[in-house]
Amino acid sequence: MVETTCAACDCKLDGNCFKVKIGGKTVDVCCDDCAQRLREAHGSAAASRKR
């Protein structure tokens, strides 16, 4: 069995993970907080590339 980890905090994921679409790719996260952090980080990175 392949063990997966959260894209934001590297915690081990169980069957209750969330799928979040970031930059056109779908990633798995362990909770709503990690999903929100990834969205904010992606938004910040995208904004800085536009400058």
PDB file of N, CA and C in Angstrom:
ATOM      1  N   MET A   1       0.841  -1.186   0.000  1.00  0.00           N
ATOM      2  CA  MET A   1       0.000   0.000   0.000  1.00  0.00           C
ATOM      3  C   MET A   1       0.886   1.249   0.000  1.00  0.00           C
ATOM      4  N   VAL A   2       0.550   2.194  -0.844  1.00  0.00           N
ATOM      5  CA  VAL A   2       1.308   3.432  -0.934  1.00  0.00           C
ATOM      6  C   VAL A   2       0.829   4.386   0.156  1.00  0.00           C
ATOM      7  N   GLU A   3       1.775   4.915   0.907  1.00  0.00           N
ATOM      8  CA  GLU A   3       1.442   5.861   1.958  1.00  0.00           C
ATOM      9  C   GLU A   3       1.552   7.272   1.397  1.00  0.00           C
ATOM     10  N   THR A   4       0.516   8.078   1.581  1.00  0.00           N
ATOM     11  CA  THR A   4       0.547   9.442   1.073  1.00  0.00           C
ATOM     12  C   THR A   4       0.576  10.423   2.234  1.00  0.00           C
ATOM     13  N   THR A   5       1.060  11.618   1.951  1.00  0.00           N
ATOM     14  CA  THR A   5       1.140  12.651   2.981  1.00  0.00           C
ATOM     15  C   THR A   5       0.448  13.917   2.498  1.00  0.00           C
ATOM     16  N   CYS A   6       0.112  14.757   3.446  1.00  0.00           N
ATOM     17  CA  CYS A   6      -0.531  16.038   3.177  1.00  0.00           C
ATOM     18  C   CYS A   6       0.428  16.927   2.386  1.00  0.00           C
ATOM     19  N   ALA A   7      -0.094  17.601   1.371  1.00  0.00           N
ATOM     20  CA  ALA A   7       0.728  18.475   0.538  1.00  0.00           C
ATOM     21  C   ALA A   7       1.195  19.714   1.295  1.00  0.00           C
ATOM     22  N   ALA A   8       0.541  20.052   2.398  1.00  0.00           N
ATOM     23  CA  ALA A   8       0.900  21.260   3.143  1.00  0.00           C
ATOM     24  C   ALA A   8       1.793  20.970   4.346  1.00  0.00           C
ATOM     25  N   CYS A   9       1.487  19.911   5.102  1.00  0.00           N
ATOM     26  CA  CYS A   9       2.206  19.702   6.363  1.00  0.00           C
ATOM     27  C   CYS A   9       2.924  18.356   6.460  1.00  0.00           C
ATOM     28  N   ASP A  10       2.821  17.514   5.445  1.00  0.00           N
ATOM     29  CA  ASP A  10       3.473  16.203   5.392  1.00  0.00           C
ATOM     30  C   ASP A  10       2.981  15.195   6.427  1.00  0.00           C
ATOM     31  N   CYS A  11       1.817  15.433   7.022  1.00  0.00           N
ATOM     32  CA  CYS A  11       1.214  14.433   7.913  1.00  0.00           C
ATOM     33  C   CYS A  11       0.708  13.269   7.064  1.00  0.00           C
ATOM     34  N   LYS A  12       0.688  12.093   7.646  1.00  0.00           N
ATOM     35  CA  LYS A  12       0.154  10.935   6.928  1.00  0.00           C
ATOM     36  C   LYS A  12      -1.343  11.113   6.723  1.00  0.00           C
ATOM     37  N   LEU A  13      -1.799  10.760   5.527  1.00  0.00           N
ATOM     38  CA  LEU A  13      -3.218  10.885   5.201  1.00  0.00           C
ATOM     39  C   LEU A  13      -3.932   9.555   5.399  1.00  0.00           C
ATOM     40  N   ASP A  14      -5.154   9.649   5.886  1.00  0.00           N
ATOM     41  CA  ASP A  14      -6.004   8.467   5.985  1.00  0.00           C
ATOM     42  C   ASP A  14      -7.131   8.613   4.963  1.00  0.00           C
ATOM     43  N   GLY A  15      -8.175   7.902   5.110  1.00  0.00           N
ATOM     44  CA  GLY A  15      -9.279   7.946   4.155  1.00  0.00           C
ATOM     45  C   GLY A  15     -10.107   9.213   4.215  1.00  0.00           C
ATOM     46  N   ASN A  16      -9.843  10.084   5.175  1.00  0.00           N
ATOM     47  CA  ASN A  16     -10.630  11.299   5.348  1.00  0.00           C
ATOM     48  C   ASN A  16      -9.930  12.544   4.827  1.00  0.00           C
ATOM     49  N   CYS A  17      -9.145  12.410   3.777  1.00  0.00           N
ATOM     50  CA  CYS A  17      -8.410  13.555   3.257  1.00  0.00           C
ATOM     51  C   CYS A  17      -9.308  14.410   2.357  1.00  0.00           C
ATOM     52  N   PHE A  18      -8.868  15.641   2.122  1.00  0.00           N
ATOM     53  CA  PHE A  18      -9.558  16.587   1.260  1.00  0.00           C
ATOM     54  C   PHE A  18      -8.773  16.717  -0.038  1.00  0.00           C
ATOM     55  N   LYS A  19      -9.462  16.888  -1.130  1.00  0.00           N
ATOM     56  CA  LYS A  19      -8.820  17.130  -2.415  1.00  0.00           C
ATOM     57  C   LYS A  19      -8.974  18.616  -2.734  1.00  0.00           C
ATOM     58  N   VAL A  20      -7.855  19.255  -3.086  1.00  0.00           N
ATOM     59  CA  VAL A  20      -7.840  20.682  -3.373  1.00  0.00           C
ATOM     60  C   VAL A  20      -7.177  20.890  -4.724  1.00  0.00           C
ATOM     61  N   LYS A  21      -7.771  21.734  -5.557  1.00  0.00           N
ATOM     62  CA  LYS A  21      -7.184  22.033  -6.858  1.00  0.00           C
ATOM     63  C   LYS A  21      -6.344  23.301  -6.726  1.00  0.00           C
ATOM     64  N   ILE A  22      -5.042  23.155  -6.971  1.00  0.00           N
ATOM     65  CA  ILE A  22      -4.093  24.263  -6.863  1.00  0.00           C
ATOM     66  C   ILE A  22      -3.311  24.338  -8.167  1.00  0.00           C
ATOM     67  N   GLY A  23      -3.395  25.455  -8.838  1.00  0.00           N
ATOM     68  CA  GLY A  23      -2.636  25.634 -10.075  1.00  0.00           C
ATOM     69  C   GLY A  23      -2.934  24.595 -11.140  1.00  0.00           C
ATOM     70  N   GLY A  24      -4.177  24.136 -11.205  1.00  0.00           N
ATOM     71  CA  GLY A  24      -4.559  23.165 -12.216  1.00  0.00           C
ATOM     72  C   GLY A  24      -4.295  21.717 -11.831  1.00  0.00           C
ATOM     73  N   LYS A  25      -3.695  21.486 -10.661  1.00  0.00           N
ATOM     74  CA  LYS A  25      -3.430  20.125 -10.198  1.00  0.00           C
ATOM     75  C   LYS A  25      -4.226  19.862  -8.927  1.00  0.00           C
ATOM     76  N   THR A  26      -4.642  18.627  -8.745  1.00  0.00           N
ATOM     77  CA  THR A  26      -5.363  18.233  -7.547  1.00  0.00           C
ATOM     78  C   THR A  26      -4.394  17.602  -6.555  1.00  0.00           C
ATOM     79  N   VAL A  27      -4.396  18.114  -5.328  1.00  0.00           N
ATOM     80  CA  VAL A  27      -3.532  17.593  -4.272  1.00  0.00           C
ATOM     81  C   VAL A  27      -4.388  17.192  -3.080  1.00  0.00           C
ATOM     82  N   ASP A  28      -3.852  16.306  -2.255  1.00  0.00           N
ATOM     83  CA  ASP A  28      -4.543  15.846  -1.054  1.00  0.00           C
ATOM     84  C   ASP A  28      -3.996  16.565   0.164  1.00  0.00           C
ATOM     85  N   VAL A  29      -4.906  16.999   1.046  1.00  0.00           N
ATOM     86  CA  VAL A  29      -4.526  17.632   2.299  1.00  0.00           C
ATOM     87  C   VAL A  29      -5.306  16.978   3.435  1.00  0.00           C
ATOM     88  N   CYS A  30      -4.804  17.156   4.655  1.00  0.00           N
ATOM     89  CA  CYS A  30      -5.408  16.463   5.794  1.00  0.00           C
ATOM     90  C   CYS A  30      -6.582  17.205   6.420  1.00  0.00           C
ATOM     91  N   CYS A  31      -6.657  18.539   6.233  1.00  0.00           N
ATOM     92  CA  CYS A  31      -7.711  19.299   6.903  1.00  0.00           C
ATOM     93  C   CYS A  31      -8.011  20.598   6.156  1.00  0.00           C
ATOM     94  N   ASP A  32      -9.066  21.284   6.585  1.00  0.00           N
ATOM     95  CA  ASP A  32      -9.441  22.560   5.981  1.00  0.00           C
ATOM     96  C   ASP A  32      -8.361  23.615   6.169  1.00  0.00           C
ATOM     97  N   ASP A  33      -7.679  23.613   7.311  1.00  0.00           N
ATOM     98  CA  ASP A  33      -6.614  24.587   7.562  1.00  0.00           C
ATOM     99  C   ASP A  33      -5.493  24.450   6.539  1.00  0.00           C
ATOM    100  N   CYS A  34      -5.083  23.232   6.251  1.00  0.00           N
ATOM    101  CA  CYS A  34      -4.026  23.004   5.261  1.00  0.00           C
ATOM    102  C   CYS A  34      -4.503  23.404   3.866  1.00  0.00           C
ATOM    103  N   ALA A  35      -5.753  23.145   3.549  1.00  0.00           N
ATOM    104  CA  ALA A  35      -6.306  23.541   2.255  1.00  0.00           C
ATOM    105  C   ALA A  35      -6.261  25.057   2.116  1.00  0.00           C
ATOM    106  N   GLN A  36      -6.645  25.763   3.163  1.00  0.00           N
ATOM    107  CA  GLN A  36      -6.644  27.224   3.131  1.00  0.00           C
ATOM    108  C   GLN A  36      -5.220  27.761   3.004  1.00  0.00           C
ATOM    109  N   ARG A  37      -4.267  27.172   3.724  1.00  0.00           N
ATOM    110  CA  ARG A  37      -2.872  27.616   3.633  1.00  0.00           C
ATOM    111  C   ARG A  37      -2.320  27.445   2.221  1.00  0.00           C
ATOM    112  N   LEU A  38      -2.650  26.333   1.575  1.00  0.00           N
ATOM    113  CA  LEU A  38      -2.182  26.110   0.208  1.00  0.00           C
ATOM    114  C   LEU A  38      -2.794  27.119  -0.759  1.00  0.00           C
ATOM    115  N   ARG A  39      -4.076  27.392  -0.603  1.00  0.00           N
ATOM    116  CA  ARG A  39      -4.733  28.377  -1.476  1.00  0.00           C
ATOM    117  C   ARG A  39      -4.089  29.752  -1.312  1.00  0.00           C
ATOM    118  N   GLU A  40      -3.827  30.153  -0.058  1.00  0.00           N
ATOM    119  CA  GLU A  40      -3.207  31.452   0.205  1.00  0.00           C
ATOM    120  C   GLU A  40      -1.792  31.519  -0.359  1.00  0.00           C
ATOM    121  N   ALA A  41      -1.024  30.452  -0.183  1.00  0.00           N
ATOM    122  CA  ALA A  41       0.349  30.421  -0.685  1.00  0.00           C
ATOM    123  C   ALA A  41       0.356  30.489  -2.203  1.00  0.00           C
ATOM    124  N   HIS A  42      -0.534  29.767  -2.844  1.00  0.00           N
ATOM    125  CA  HIS A  42      -0.606  29.787  -4.302  1.00  0.00           C
ATOM    126  C   HIS A  42      -1.013  31.175  -4.793  1.00  0.00           C
ATOM    127  N   GLY A  43      -1.995  31.776  -4.131  1.00  0.00           N
ATOM    128  CA  GLY A  43      -2.437  33.115  -4.516  1.00  0.00           C
ATOM    129  C   GLY A  43      -1.323  34.140  -4.361  1.00  0.00           C
ATOM    130  N   SER A  44      -0.568  34.040  -3.298  1.00  0.00           N
ATOM    131  CA  SER A  44       0.546  34.952  -3.057  1.00  0.00           C
ATOM    132  C   SER A  44       1.642  34.776  -4.103  1.00  0.00           C
ATOM    133  N   ALA A  45       1.959  33.538  -4.415  1.00  0.00           N
ATOM    134  CA  ALA A  45       3.002  33.256  -5.420  1.00  0.00           C
ATOM    135  C   ALA A  45       2.562  33.731  -6.795  1.00  0.00           C
ATOM    136  N   ALA A  46       1.297  33.531  -7.131  1.00  0.00           N
ATOM    137  CA  ALA A  46       0.794  33.963  -8.435  1.00  0.00           C
ATOM    138  C   ALA A  46       0.813  35.483  -8.536  1.00  0.00           C
ATOM    139  N   ALA A  47       0.466  36.177  -7.452  1.00  0.00           N
ATOM    140  CA  ALA A  47       0.465  37.630  -7.450  1.00  0.00           C
ATOM    141  C   ALA A  47       1.875  38.195  -7.608  1.00  0.00           C
ATOM    142  N   SER A  48       2.849  37.547  -6.980  1.00  0.00           N
ATOM    143  CA  SER A  48       4.224  38.055  -7.068  1.00  0.00           C
ATOM    144  C   SER A  48       4.824  37.805  -8.456  1.00  0.00           C
ATOM    145  N   ARG A  49       4.358  36.793  -9.164  1.00  0.00           N
ATOM    146  CA  ARG A  49       4.843  36.532 -10.525  1.00  0.00           C
ATOM    147  C   ARG A  49       4.299  37.565 -11.519  1.00  0.00           C
ATOM    148  N   LYS A  50       3.156  38.164 -11.221  1.00  0.00           N
ATOM    149  CA  LYS A  50       2.530  39.123 -12.130  1.00  0.00           C
ATOM    150  C   LYS A  50       3.225  40.475 -12.089  1.00  0.00           C
ATOM    151  N   ARG A  51       3.982  40.732 -11.055  1.00  0.00           N
ATOM    152  CA  ARG A  51       4.632  42.053 -10.912  1.00  0.00           C
ATOM    153  C   ARG A  51       5.818  42.200 -11.772  1.00  0.00           C
TER     154      ARG A  51
END
